[in-house]
Amino acid sequence: MALAQAAAEEARAAGEVPVGAVLVRGDEVIAKGFNHPIGAHDPSAHAEMIALRAAAQAVENYRLPGCELYVTLEPCLMCAGAIMHARIARVVFGARDPKTGACGSVVDAFANPQLNHHTTVTGGVLETECGAALKSFFAERRRASREARAAARGEAHVAAGGEAHPEAHVEGRGEARVEAHPDAHPDAHVETRSEPGPAEPL
Protein backbone atom coordinates (compact mmCIF):
# COMPACT_ATOMS: atom_id res chain seq x y z
CA MET A 1 0.00 0.00 0.00
CA ALA A 2 2.95 2.30 0.60
CA LEU A 3 3.77 2.08 -3.11
CA ALA A 4 0.19 2.99 -3.97
CA GLN A 5 0.41 5.98 -1.62
CA ALA A 6 3.57 7.11 -3.41
CA ALA A 7 1.74 6.85 -6.73
CA ALA A 8 -1.09 8.95 -5.28
CA GLU A 9 1.42 11.70 -4.51
CA GLU A 10 2.33 11.74 -8.20
CA ALA A 11 -1.31 12.51 -8.93
CA ARG A 12 -1.27 15.32 -6.36
CA ALA A 13 1.86 16.79 -7.94
CA ALA A 14 0.03 16.84 -11.27
CA GLY A 15 -2.94 18.66 -9.73
CA GLU A 16 -5.16 15.57 -9.82
CA VAL A 17 -7.11 13.91 -7.01
CA PRO A 18 -4.45 11.85 -5.18
CA VAL A 19 -5.31 8.22 -5.83
CA GLY A 20 -2.67 5.63 -6.58
CA ALA A 21 -2.67 1.94 -7.46
CA VAL A 22 -0.10 -0.82 -7.67
CA LEU A 23 -0.57 -4.27 -9.22
CA VAL A 24 1.57 -7.12 -7.91
CA ARG A 25 2.00 -10.83 -8.53
CA GLY A 26 3.63 -12.51 -5.60
CA ASP A 27 6.54 -10.28 -4.62
CA GLU A 28 6.81 -8.73 -8.08
CA VAL A 29 5.45 -5.27 -8.82
CA ILE A 30 4.06 -5.50 -12.33
CA ALA A 31 2.61 -2.02 -12.78
CA LYS A 32 1.45 1.10 -11.04
CA GLY A 33 -0.86 3.96 -11.91
CA PHE A 34 -2.14 7.24 -10.59
CA ASN A 35 -5.34 9.14 -11.13
CA HIS A 36 -5.17 11.70 -13.97
CA PRO A 37 -8.45 11.98 -15.92
CA ILE A 38 -8.16 15.76 -16.18
CA GLY A 39 -4.67 15.86 -17.64
CA ALA A 40 -5.34 12.89 -19.92
CA HIS A 41 -8.75 14.18 -21.02
CA ASP A 42 -9.92 10.67 -20.27
CA PRO A 43 -12.82 9.88 -17.90
CA SER A 44 -11.51 6.33 -17.54
CA ALA A 45 -8.01 7.36 -16.39
CA HIS A 46 -8.48 6.22 -12.80
CA ALA A 47 -5.46 4.84 -10.97
CA GLU A 48 -6.75 1.26 -11.16
CA MET A 49 -7.41 1.48 -14.89
CA ILE A 50 -3.92 2.84 -15.59
CA ALA A 51 -2.32 0.09 -13.52
CA LEU A 52 -4.42 -2.63 -15.22
CA ARG A 53 -3.54 -1.36 -18.69
CA ALA A 54 0.16 -1.16 -17.89
CA ALA A 55 0.16 -4.65 -16.35
CA ALA A 56 -1.66 -6.16 -19.33
CA GLN A 57 0.92 -4.64 -21.66
CA ALA A 58 3.77 -5.85 -19.48
CA VAL A 59 2.63 -9.49 -19.43
CA GLU A 60 1.06 -9.32 -22.91
CA ASN A 61 -2.23 -10.68 -21.67
CA TYR A 62 -5.48 -8.98 -20.80
CA ARG A 63 -6.09 -11.62 -18.16
CA LEU A 64 -4.13 -11.13 -14.94
CA PRO A 65 -4.92 -14.18 -12.78
CA GLY A 66 -3.11 -14.47 -9.50
CA CYS A 67 -2.49 -10.72 -9.31
CA GLU A 68 -3.43 -8.40 -6.48
CA LEU A 69 -4.35 -4.72 -6.83
CA TYR A 70 -3.56 -2.24 -4.08
CA VAL A 71 -5.32 1.12 -4.35
CA THR A 72 -5.61 4.03 -1.94
CA LEU A 73 -9.34 4.60 -2.58
CA GLU A 74 -12.22 2.15 -2.91
CA PRO A 75 -12.74 1.32 -6.60
CA CYS A 76 -15.76 2.66 -8.46
CA LEU A 77 -18.09 0.55 -10.63
CA MET A 78 -16.05 1.17 -13.76
CA CYS A 79 -12.86 -0.01 -12.12
CA ALA A 80 -14.61 -2.92 -10.43
CA GLY A 81 -15.79 -4.14 -13.83
CA ALA A 82 -12.30 -3.92 -15.30
CA ILE A 83 -10.86 -5.70 -12.26
CA MET A 84 -13.25 -8.60 -12.75
CA HIS A 85 -12.61 -8.78 -16.51
CA ALA A 86 -8.87 -8.93 -15.79
CA ARG A 87 -9.47 -11.79 -13.34
CA ILE A 88 -7.67 -10.02 -10.49
CA ALA A 89 -7.50 -12.37 -7.52
CA ARG A 90 -7.61 -9.78 -4.75
CA VAL A 91 -8.22 -6.07 -4.24
CA VAL A 92 -6.87 -4.21 -1.23
CA PHE A 93 -8.05 -0.62 -0.80
CA GLY A 94 -7.43 2.14 1.72
CA ALA A 95 -10.07 4.86 2.16
CA ARG A 96 -13.73 4.13 1.60
CA ASP A 97 -15.66 6.17 -0.96
CA PRO A 98 -19.17 6.99 0.30
CA LYS A 99 -20.22 8.46 -3.05
CA THR A 100 -19.03 6.01 -5.71
CA GLY A 101 -17.48 3.08 -3.85
CA ALA A 102 -18.29 -0.28 -5.45
CA CYS A 103 -16.84 -2.51 -2.75
CA GLY A 104 -19.65 -2.06 -0.26
CA SER A 105 -19.89 1.67 0.42
CA VAL A 106 -22.52 2.37 -2.25
CA VAL A 107 -22.84 -0.97 -4.03
CA ASP A 108 -20.91 -4.22 -3.72
CA ALA A 109 -20.06 -5.31 -7.23
CA PHE A 110 -17.88 -8.14 -6.02
CA ALA A 111 -20.58 -9.79 -3.89
CA ASN A 112 -22.88 -10.72 -6.77
CA PRO A 113 -23.00 -14.54 -6.91
CA GLN A 114 -24.21 -14.48 -10.53
CA LEU A 115 -20.87 -13.17 -11.80
CA ASN A 116 -18.46 -15.72 -13.24
CA HIS A 117 -15.41 -14.36 -11.40
CA HIS A 118 -15.13 -13.51 -7.74
CA THR A 119 -12.39 -11.21 -6.50
CA THR A 120 -11.51 -11.17 -2.82
CA VAL A 121 -11.72 -7.68 -1.33
CA THR A 122 -9.97 -6.28 1.73
CA GLY A 123 -10.84 -2.70 2.66
CA GLY A 124 -9.67 -0.13 5.17
CA VAL A 125 -5.92 -0.83 4.94
CA LEU A 126 -4.13 2.36 6.05
CA GLU A 127 -7.57 3.96 5.79
CA THR A 128 -6.72 6.94 8.01
CA GLU A 129 -3.58 7.82 6.08
CA CYS A 130 -5.20 7.36 2.67
CA GLY A 131 -8.24 9.37 3.72
CA ALA A 132 -6.10 12.16 5.15
CA ALA A 133 -4.29 12.56 1.83
CA LEU A 134 -7.61 13.06 0.05
CA LYS A 135 -9.02 15.41 2.69
CA SER A 136 -5.92 17.61 2.64
CA PHE A 137 -6.08 17.83 -1.15
CA PHE A 138 -9.70 18.98 -1.19
CA ALA A 139 -9.13 21.38 1.72
CA GLU A 140 -6.27 23.02 -0.15
CA ARG A 141 -8.33 23.21 -3.34
CA ARG A 142 -11.21 24.89 -1.50
CA ARG A 143 -8.79 27.34 0.12
CA ALA A 144 -7.24 28.23 -3.24
CA SER A 145 -10.71 28.67 -4.74
CA ARG A 146 -11.74 31.05 -1.94
CA GLU A 147 -8.57 33.08 -2.36
CA ALA A 148 -9.07 33.31 -6.11
CA ARG A 149 -12.66 34.51 -5.67
CA ALA A 150 -11.59 37.04 -3.06
CA ALA A 151 -8.82 38.36 -5.32
CA ALA A 152 -11.25 38.65 -8.22
CA ARG A 153 -13.70 40.62 -6.06
CA GLY A 154 -10.91 42.89 -4.90
CA GLU A 155 -9.81 43.62 -8.46
CA ALA A 156 -13.40 44.29 -9.50
CA HIS A 157 -13.89 46.75 -6.65
CA VAL A 158 -10.64 48.53 -7.43
CA ALA A 159 -11.76 48.97 -11.03
CA ALA A 160 -15.23 50.14 -9.99
CA GLY A 161 -13.79 52.57 -7.47
CA GLY A 162 -11.44 54.03 -10.04
CA GLU A 163 -14.29 54.75 -12.41
CA ALA A 164 -16.58 56.13 -9.73
CA HIS A 165 -14.00 58.52 -8.25
CA PRO A 166 -11.64 59.53 -11.04
CA GLU A 167 -10.31 62.57 -9.13
CA ALA A 168 -10.21 61.17 -5.63
CA HIS A 169 -6.96 60.60 -3.78
CA VAL A 170 -5.89 56.97 -3.82
CA GLU A 171 -6.01 56.53 -0.04
CA GLY A 172 -9.33 58.32 0.27
CA ARG A 173 -10.80 56.23 -2.53
CA GLY A 174 -9.65 53.08 -0.73
CA GLU A 175 -11.28 54.18 2.53
CA ALA A 176 -14.55 55.02 0.81
CA ARG A 177 -14.49 51.72 -1.02
CA VAL A 178 -14.08 49.74 2.18
CA GLU A 179 -17.10 51.39 3.73
CA ALA A 180 -19.28 51.00 0.65
CA HIS A 181 -18.09 47.54 -0.32
CA PRO A 182 -17.34 45.27 2.64
CA ASP A 183 -16.84 42.41 0.20
CA ALA A 184 -13.53 44.05 -0.72
CA HIS A 185 -12.11 42.36 2.37
CA PRO A 186 -11.04 38.88 1.19
CA ASP A 187 -11.99 37.27 4.50
CA ALA A 188 -15.28 39.10 5.01
CA HIS A 189 -17.49 36.11 4.25
CA VAL A 190 -15.14 33.16 4.63
CA GLU A 191 -16.59 32.04 7.95
CA THR A 192 -20.24 32.49 7.03
CA ARG A 193 -20.14 31.18 3.47
CA SER A 194 -21.20 27.55 3.25
CA GLU A 195 -18.32 25.26 2.49
CA PRO A 196 -18.86 23.16 -0.63
CA GLY A 197 -19.27 19.46 -0.02
CA PRO A 198 -16.33 17.17 -0.68
CA ALA A 199 -15.73 16.87 -4.38
CA GLU A 200 -15.90 13.45 -5.89
CA PRO A 201 -12.35 12.00 -5.81
CA LEU A 202 -12.53 10.66 -9.19
C-alpha atoms as a PDB file:
ATOM      1  CA  MET A   1       0.000   0.000   0.000  1.00  0.00           C
ATOM      2  CA  ALA A   2       2.950   2.301   0.598  1.00  0.00           C
ATOM      3  CA  LEU A   3       3.771   2.084  -3.111  1.00  0.00           C
ATOM      4  CA  ALA A   4       0.187   2.994  -3.966  1.00  0.00           C
ATOM      5  CA  GLN A   5       0.414   5.979  -1.621  1.00  0.00           C
ATOM      6  CA  ALA A   6       3.573   7.109  -3.410  1.00  0.00           C
ATOM      7  CA  ALA A   7       1.735   6.847  -6.734  1.00  0.00           C
ATOM      8  CA  ALA A   8      -1.091   8.949  -5.276  1.00  0.00           C
ATOM      9  CA  GLU A   9       1.418  11.702  -4.510  1.00  0.00           C
ATOM     10  CA  GLU A  10       2.333  11.743  -8.200  1.00  0.00           C
ATOM     11  CA  ALA A  11      -1.310  12.507  -8.932  1.00  0.00           C
ATOM     12  CA  ARG A  12      -1.273  15.316  -6.361  1.00  0.00           C
ATOM     13  CA  ALA A  13       1.859  16.787  -7.936  1.00  0.00           C
ATOM     14  CA  ALA A  14       0.030  16.840 -11.275  1.00  0.00           C
ATOM     15  CA  GLY A  15      -2.943  18.660  -9.728  1.00  0.00           C
ATOM     16  CA  GLU A  16      -5.158  15.571  -9.818  1.00  0.00           C
ATOM     17  CA  VAL A  17      -7.112  13.909  -7.013  1.00  0.00           C
ATOM     18  CA  PRO A  18      -4.451  11.853  -5.181  1.00  0.00           C
ATOM     19  CA  VAL A  19      -5.312   8.220  -5.826  1.00  0.00           C
ATOM     20  CA  GLY A  20      -2.670   5.628  -6.584  1.00  0.00           C
ATOM     21  CA  ALA A  21      -2.675   1.943  -7.456  1.00  0.00           C
ATOM     22  CA  VAL A  22      -0.098  -0.823  -7.673  1.00  0.00           C
ATOM     23  CA  LEU A  23      -0.566  -4.269  -9.217  1.00  0.00           C
ATOM     24  CA  VAL A  24       1.572  -7.123  -7.915  1.00  0.00           C
ATOM     25  CA  ARG A  25       1.997 -10.834  -8.531  1.00  0.00           C
ATOM     26  CA  GLY A  26       3.633 -12.510  -5.595  1.00  0.00           C
ATOM     27  CA  ASP A  27       6.535 -10.282  -4.619  1.00  0.00           C
ATOM     28  CA  GLU A  28       6.813  -8.726  -8.079  1.00  0.00           C
ATOM     29  CA  VAL A  29       5.447  -5.273  -8.817  1.00  0.00           C
ATOM     30  CA  ILE A  30       4.058  -5.504 -12.334  1.00  0.00           C
ATOM     31  CA  ALA A  31       2.612  -2.017 -12.779  1.00  0.00           C
ATOM     32  CA  LYS A  32       1.451   1.099 -11.038  1.00  0.00           C
ATOM     33  CA  GLY A  33      -0.858   3.963 -11.911  1.00  0.00           C
ATOM     34  CA  PHE A  34      -2.137   7.238 -10.589  1.00  0.00           C
ATOM     35  CA  ASN A  35      -5.336   9.140 -11.131  1.00  0.00           C
ATOM     36  CA  HIS A  36      -5.167  11.701 -13.971  1.00  0.00           C
ATOM     37  CA  PRO A  37      -8.447  11.980 -15.919  1.00  0.00           C
ATOM     38  CA  ILE A  38      -8.156  15.765 -16.179  1.00  0.00           C
ATOM     39  CA  GLY A  39      -4.672  15.865 -17.644  1.00  0.00           C
ATOM     40  CA  ALA A  40      -5.337  12.892 -19.919  1.00  0.00           C
ATOM     41  CA  HIS A  41      -8.754  14.182 -21.021  1.00  0.00           C
ATOM     42  CA  ASP A  42      -9.925  10.665 -20.267  1.00  0.00           C
ATOM     43  CA  PRO A  43     -12.823   9.883 -17.895  1.00  0.00           C
ATOM     44  CA  SER A  44     -11.514   6.333 -17.537  1.00  0.00           C
ATOM     45  CA  ALA A  45      -8.015   7.356 -16.387  1.00  0.00           C
ATOM     46  CA  HIS A  46      -8.475   6.218 -12.797  1.00  0.00           C
ATOM     47  CA  ALA A  47      -5.460   4.838 -10.973  1.00  0.00           C
ATOM     48  CA  GLU A  48      -6.753   1.261 -11.158  1.00  0.00           C
ATOM     49  CA  MET A  49      -7.409   1.478 -14.887  1.00  0.00           C
ATOM     50  CA  ILE A  50      -3.924   2.844 -15.587  1.00  0.00           C
ATOM     51  CA  ALA A  51      -2.324   0.086 -13.520  1.00  0.00           C
ATOM     52  CA  LEU A  52      -4.416  -2.625 -15.219  1.00  0.00           C
ATOM     53  CA  ARG A  53      -3.544  -1.362 -18.694  1.00  0.00           C
ATOM     54  CA  ALA A  54       0.163  -1.157 -17.892  1.00  0.00           C
ATOM     55  CA  ALA A  55       0.159  -4.646 -16.352  1.00  0.00           C
ATOM     56  CA  ALA A  56      -1.655  -6.159 -19.333  1.00  0.00           C
ATOM     57  CA  GLN A  57       0.917  -4.641 -21.664  1.00  0.00           C
ATOM     58  CA  ALA A  58       3.773  -5.853 -19.479  1.00  0.00           C
ATOM     59  CA  VAL A  59       2.633  -9.495 -19.434  1.00  0.00           C
ATOM     60  CA  GLU A  60       1.059  -9.316 -22.912  1.00  0.00           C
ATOM     61  CA  ASN A  61      -2.229 -10.684 -21.675  1.00  0.00           C
ATOM     62  CA  TYR A  62      -5.477  -8.982 -20.804  1.00  0.00           C
ATOM     63  CA  ARG A  63      -6.090 -11.624 -18.159  1.00  0.00           C
ATOM     64  CA  LEU A  64      -4.126 -11.128 -14.943  1.00  0.00           C
ATOM     65  CA  PRO A  65      -4.924 -14.179 -12.784  1.00  0.00           C
ATOM     66  CA  GLY A  66      -3.110 -14.474  -9.498  1.00  0.00           C
ATOM     67  CA  CYS A  67      -2.486 -10.723  -9.311  1.00  0.00           C
ATOM     68  CA  GLU A  68      -3.429  -8.395  -6.481  1.00  0.00           C
ATOM     69  CA  LEU A  69      -4.350  -4.723  -6.830  1.00  0.00           C
ATOM     70  CA  TYR A  70      -3.563  -2.244  -4.076  1.00  0.00           C
ATOM     71  CA  VAL A  71      -5.319   1.118  -4.350  1.00  0.00           C
ATOM     72  CA  THR A  72      -5.613   4.026  -1.939  1.00  0.00           C
ATOM     73  CA  LEU A  73      -9.335   4.600  -2.578  1.00  0.00           C
ATOM     74  CA  GLU A  74     -12.219   2.148  -2.905  1.00  0.00           C
ATOM     75  CA  PRO A  75     -12.740   1.320  -6.597  1.00  0.00           C
ATOM     76  CA  CYS A  76     -15.761   2.660  -8.464  1.00  0.00           C
ATOM     77  CA  LEU A  77     -18.090   0.552 -10.629  1.00  0.00           C
ATOM     78  CA  MET A  78     -16.047   1.173 -13.760  1.00  0.00           C
ATOM     79  CA  CYS A  79     -12.856  -0.009 -12.118  1.00  0.00           C
ATOM     80  CA  ALA A  80     -14.611  -2.918 -10.435  1.00  0.00           C
ATOM     81  CA  GLY A  81     -15.793  -4.137 -13.828  1.00  0.00           C
ATOM     82  CA  ALA A  82     -12.302  -3.917 -15.297  1.00  0.00           C
ATOM     83  CA  ILE A  83     -10.860  -5.704 -12.263  1.00  0.00           C
ATOM     84  CA  MET A  84     -13.250  -8.596 -12.752  1.00  0.00           C
ATOM     85  CA  HIS A  85     -12.613  -8.778 -16.508  1.00  0.00           C
ATOM     86  CA  ALA A  86      -8.871  -8.927 -15.793  1.00  0.00           C
ATOM     87  CA  ARG A  87      -9.469 -11.794 -13.336  1.00  0.00           C
ATOM     88  CA  ILE A  88      -7.670 -10.020 -10.491  1.00  0.00           C
ATOM     89  CA  ALA A  89      -7.498 -12.367  -7.516  1.00  0.00           C
ATOM     90  CA  ARG A  90      -7.605  -9.781  -4.746  1.00  0.00           C
ATOM     91  CA  VAL A  91      -8.219  -6.069  -4.243  1.00  0.00           C
ATOM     92  CA  VAL A  92      -6.874  -4.213  -1.228  1.00  0.00           C
ATOM     93  CA  PHE A  93      -8.046  -0.616  -0.804  1.00  0.00           C
ATOM     94  CA  GLY A  94      -7.433   2.142   1.716  1.00  0.00           C
ATOM     95  CA  ALA A  95     -10.068   4.855   2.160  1.00  0.00           C
ATOM     96  CA  ARG A  96     -13.735   4.127   1.600  1.00  0.00           C
ATOM     97  CA  ASP A  97     -15.658   6.171  -0.964  1.00  0.00           C
ATOM     98  CA  PRO A  98     -19.167   6.995   0.302  1.00  0.00           C
ATOM     99  CA  LYS A  99     -20.220   8.459  -3.053  1.00  0.00           C
ATOM    100  CA  THR A 100     -19.027   6.014  -5.709  1.00  0.00           C
ATOM    101  CA  GLY A 101     -17.479   3.076  -3.849  1.00  0.00           C
ATOM    102  CA  ALA A 102     -18.294  -0.275  -5.446  1.00  0.00           C
ATOM    103  CA  CYS A 103     -16.843  -2.509  -2.750  1.00  0.00           C
ATOM    104  CA  GLY A 104     -19.652  -2.064  -0.255  1.00  0.00           C
ATOM    105  CA  SER A 105     -19.886   1.672   0.424  1.00  0.00           C
ATOM    106  CA  VAL A 106     -22.525   2.369  -2.251  1.00  0.00           C
ATOM    107  CA  VAL A 107     -22.836  -0.973  -4.034  1.00  0.00           C
ATOM    108  CA  ASP A 108     -20.906  -4.217  -3.722  1.00  0.00           C
ATOM    109  CA  ALA A 109     -20.063  -5.305  -7.233  1.00  0.00           C
ATOM    110  CA  PHE A 110     -17.877  -8.144  -6.016  1.00  0.00           C
ATOM    111  CA  ALA A 111     -20.583  -9.787  -3.892  1.00  0.00           C
ATOM    112  CA  ASN A 112     -22.882 -10.725  -6.767  1.00  0.00           C
ATOM    113  CA  PRO A 113     -22.997 -14.544  -6.909  1.00  0.00           C
ATOM    114  CA  GLN A 114     -24.208 -14.479 -10.530  1.00  0.00           C
ATOM    115  CA  LEU A 115     -20.870 -13.174 -11.802  1.00  0.00           C
ATOM    116  CA  ASN A 116     -18.460 -15.723 -13.235  1.00  0.00           C
ATOM    117  CA  HIS A 117     -15.411 -14.359 -11.402  1.00  0.00           C
ATOM    118  CA  HIS A 118     -15.131 -13.512  -7.744  1.00  0.00           C
ATOM    119  CA  THR A 119     -12.394 -11.214  -6.503  1.00  0.00           C
ATOM    120  CA  THR A 120     -11.506 -11.169  -2.823  1.00  0.00           C
ATOM    121  CA  VAL A 121     -11.720  -7.677  -1.331  1.00  0.00           C
ATOM    122  CA  THR A 122      -9.965  -6.285   1.733  1.00  0.00           C
ATOM    123  CA  GLY A 123     -10.837  -2.699   2.659  1.00  0.00           C
ATOM    124  CA  GLY A 124      -9.674  -0.135   5.174  1.00  0.00           C
ATOM    125  CA  VAL A 125      -5.919  -0.828   4.942  1.00  0.00           C
ATOM    126  CA  LEU A 126      -4.135   2.361   6.053  1.00  0.00           C
ATOM    127  CA  GLU A 127      -7.570   3.962   5.788  1.00  0.00           C
ATOM    128  CA  THR A 128      -6.718   6.940   8.012  1.00  0.00           C
ATOM    129  CA  GLU A 129      -3.578   7.816   6.077  1.00  0.00           C
ATOM    130  CA  CYS A 130      -5.196   7.365   2.665  1.00  0.00           C
ATOM    131  CA  GLY A 131      -8.243   9.371   3.715  1.00  0.00           C
ATOM    132  CA  ALA A 132      -6.100  12.160   5.154  1.00  0.00           C
ATOM    133  CA  ALA A 133      -4.291  12.563   1.826  1.00  0.00           C
ATOM    134  CA  LEU A 134      -7.614  13.056   0.047  1.00  0.00           C
ATOM    135  CA  LYS A 135      -9.018  15.413   2.687  1.00  0.00           C
ATOM    136  CA  SER A 136      -5.923  17.613   2.642  1.00  0.00           C
ATOM    137  CA  PHE A 137      -6.081  17.827  -1.154  1.00  0.00           C
ATOM    138  CA  PHE A 138      -9.705  18.978  -1.192  1.00  0.00           C
ATOM    139  CA  ALA A 139      -9.131  21.382   1.720  1.00  0.00           C
ATOM    140  CA  GLU A 140      -6.271  23.019  -0.155  1.00  0.00           C
ATOM    141  CA  ARG A 141      -8.327  23.205  -3.337  1.00  0.00           C
ATOM    142  CA  ARG A 142     -11.213  24.895  -1.499  1.00  0.00           C
ATOM    143  CA  ARG A 143      -8.790  27.344   0.120  1.00  0.00           C
ATOM    144  CA  ALA A 144      -7.239  28.231  -3.245  1.00  0.00           C
ATOM    145  CA  SER A 145     -10.711  28.673  -4.737  1.00  0.00           C
ATOM    146  CA  ARG A 146     -11.745  31.052  -1.944  1.00  0.00           C
ATOM    147  CA  GLU A 147      -8.567  33.077  -2.355  1.00  0.00           C
ATOM    148  CA  ALA A 148      -9.066  33.307  -6.111  1.00  0.00           C
ATOM    149  CA  ARG A 149     -12.659  34.506  -5.675  1.00  0.00           C
ATOM    150  CA  ALA A 150     -11.587  37.040  -3.060  1.00  0.00           C
ATOM    151  CA  ALA A 151      -8.821  38.356  -5.319  1.00  0.00           C
ATOM    152  CA  ALA A 152     -11.254  38.651  -8.222  1.00  0.00           C
ATOM    153  CA  ARG A 153     -13.699  40.616  -6.058  1.00  0.00           C
ATOM    154  CA  GLY A 154     -10.915  42.891  -4.904  1.00  0.00           C
ATOM    155  CA  GLU A 155      -9.810  43.619  -8.463  1.00  0.00           C
ATOM    156  CA  ALA A 156     -13.401  44.285  -9.502  1.00  0.00           C
ATOM    157  CA  HIS A 157     -13.893  46.748  -6.650  1.00  0.00           C
ATOM    158  CA  VAL A 158     -10.639  48.530  -7.428  1.00  0.00           C
ATOM    159  CA  ALA A 159     -11.757  48.968 -11.029  1.00  0.00           C
ATOM    160  CA  ALA A 160     -15.226  50.138  -9.989  1.00  0.00           C
ATOM    161  CA  GLY A 161     -13.786  52.570  -7.466  1.00  0.00           C
ATOM    162  CA  GLY A 162     -11.435  54.029 -10.041  1.00  0.00           C
ATOM    163  CA  GLU A 163     -14.292  54.747 -12.408  1.00  0.00           C
ATOM    164  CA  ALA A 164     -16.581  56.130  -9.727  1.00  0.00           C
ATOM    165  CA  HIS A 165     -14.002  58.520  -8.254  1.00  0.00           C
ATOM    166  CA  PRO A 166     -11.640  59.532 -11.041  1.00  0.00           C
ATOM    167  CA  GLU A 167     -10.315  62.574  -9.135  1.00  0.00           C
ATOM    168  CA  ALA A 168     -10.214  61.174  -5.632  1.00  0.00           C
ATOM    169  CA  HIS A 169      -6.959  60.601  -3.775  1.00  0.00           C
ATOM    170  CA  VAL A 170      -5.888  56.969  -3.817  1.00  0.00           C
ATOM    171  CA  GLU A 171      -6.014  56.534  -0.041  1.00  0.00           C
ATOM    172  CA  GLY A 172      -9.333  58.321   0.268  1.00  0.00           C
ATOM    173  CA  ARG A 173     -10.796  56.232  -2.530  1.00  0.00           C
ATOM    174  CA  GLY A 174      -9.647  53.082  -0.728  1.00  0.00           C
ATOM    175  CA  GLU A 175     -11.277  54.176   2.531  1.00  0.00           C
ATOM    176  CA  ALA A 176     -14.551  55.019   0.805  1.00  0.00           C
ATOM    177  CA  ARG A 177     -14.491  51.723  -1.024  1.00  0.00           C
ATOM    178  CA  VAL A 178     -14.079  49.735   2.180  1.00  0.00           C
ATOM    179  CA  GLU A 179     -17.103  51.394   3.725  1.00  0.00           C
ATOM    180  CA  ALA A 180     -19.280  50.997   0.649  1.00  0.00           C
ATOM    181  CA  HIS A 181     -18.095  47.542  -0.317  1.00  0.00           C
ATOM    182  CA  PRO A 182     -17.342  45.266   2.644  1.00  0.00           C
ATOM    183  CA  ASP A 183     -16.839  42.414   0.198  1.00  0.00           C
ATOM    184  CA  ALA A 184     -13.533  44.047  -0.724  1.00  0.00           C
ATOM    185  CA  HIS A 185     -12.105  42.362   2.372  1.00  0.00           C
ATOM    186  CA  PRO A 186     -11.035  38.884   1.188  1.00  0.00           C
ATOM    187  CA  ASP A 187     -11.987  37.265   4.502  1.00  0.00           C
ATOM    188  CA  ALA A 188     -15.284  39.099   5.007  1.00  0.00           C
ATOM    189  CA  HIS A 189     -17.494  36.105   4.251  1.00  0.00           C
ATOM    190  CA  VAL A 190     -15.144  33.162   4.626  1.00  0.00           C
ATOM    191  CA  GLU A 191     -16.588  32.039   7.952  1.00  0.00           C
ATOM    192  CA  THR A 192     -20.237  32.489   7.027  1.00  0.00           C
ATOM    193  CA  ARG A 193     -20.136  31.181   3.470  1.00  0.00           C
ATOM    194  CA  SER A 194     -21.203  27.552   3.250  1.00  0.00           C
ATOM    195  CA  GLU A 195     -18.317  25.261   2.495  1.00  0.00           C
ATOM    196  CA  PRO A 196     -18.858  23.163  -0.632  1.00  0.00           C
ATOM    197  CA  GLY A 197     -19.272  19.460  -0.024  1.00  0.00           C
ATOM    198  CA  PRO A 198     -16.329  17.167  -0.683  1.00  0.00           C
ATOM    199  CA  ALA A 199     -15.727  16.865  -4.384  1.00  0.00           C
ATOM    200  CA  GLU A 200     -15.898  13.453  -5.889  1.00  0.00           C
ATOM    201  CA  PRO A 201     -12.352  12.001  -5.805  1.00  0.00           C
ATOM    202  CA  LEU A 202     -12.527  10.660  -9.187  1.00  0.00           C
END
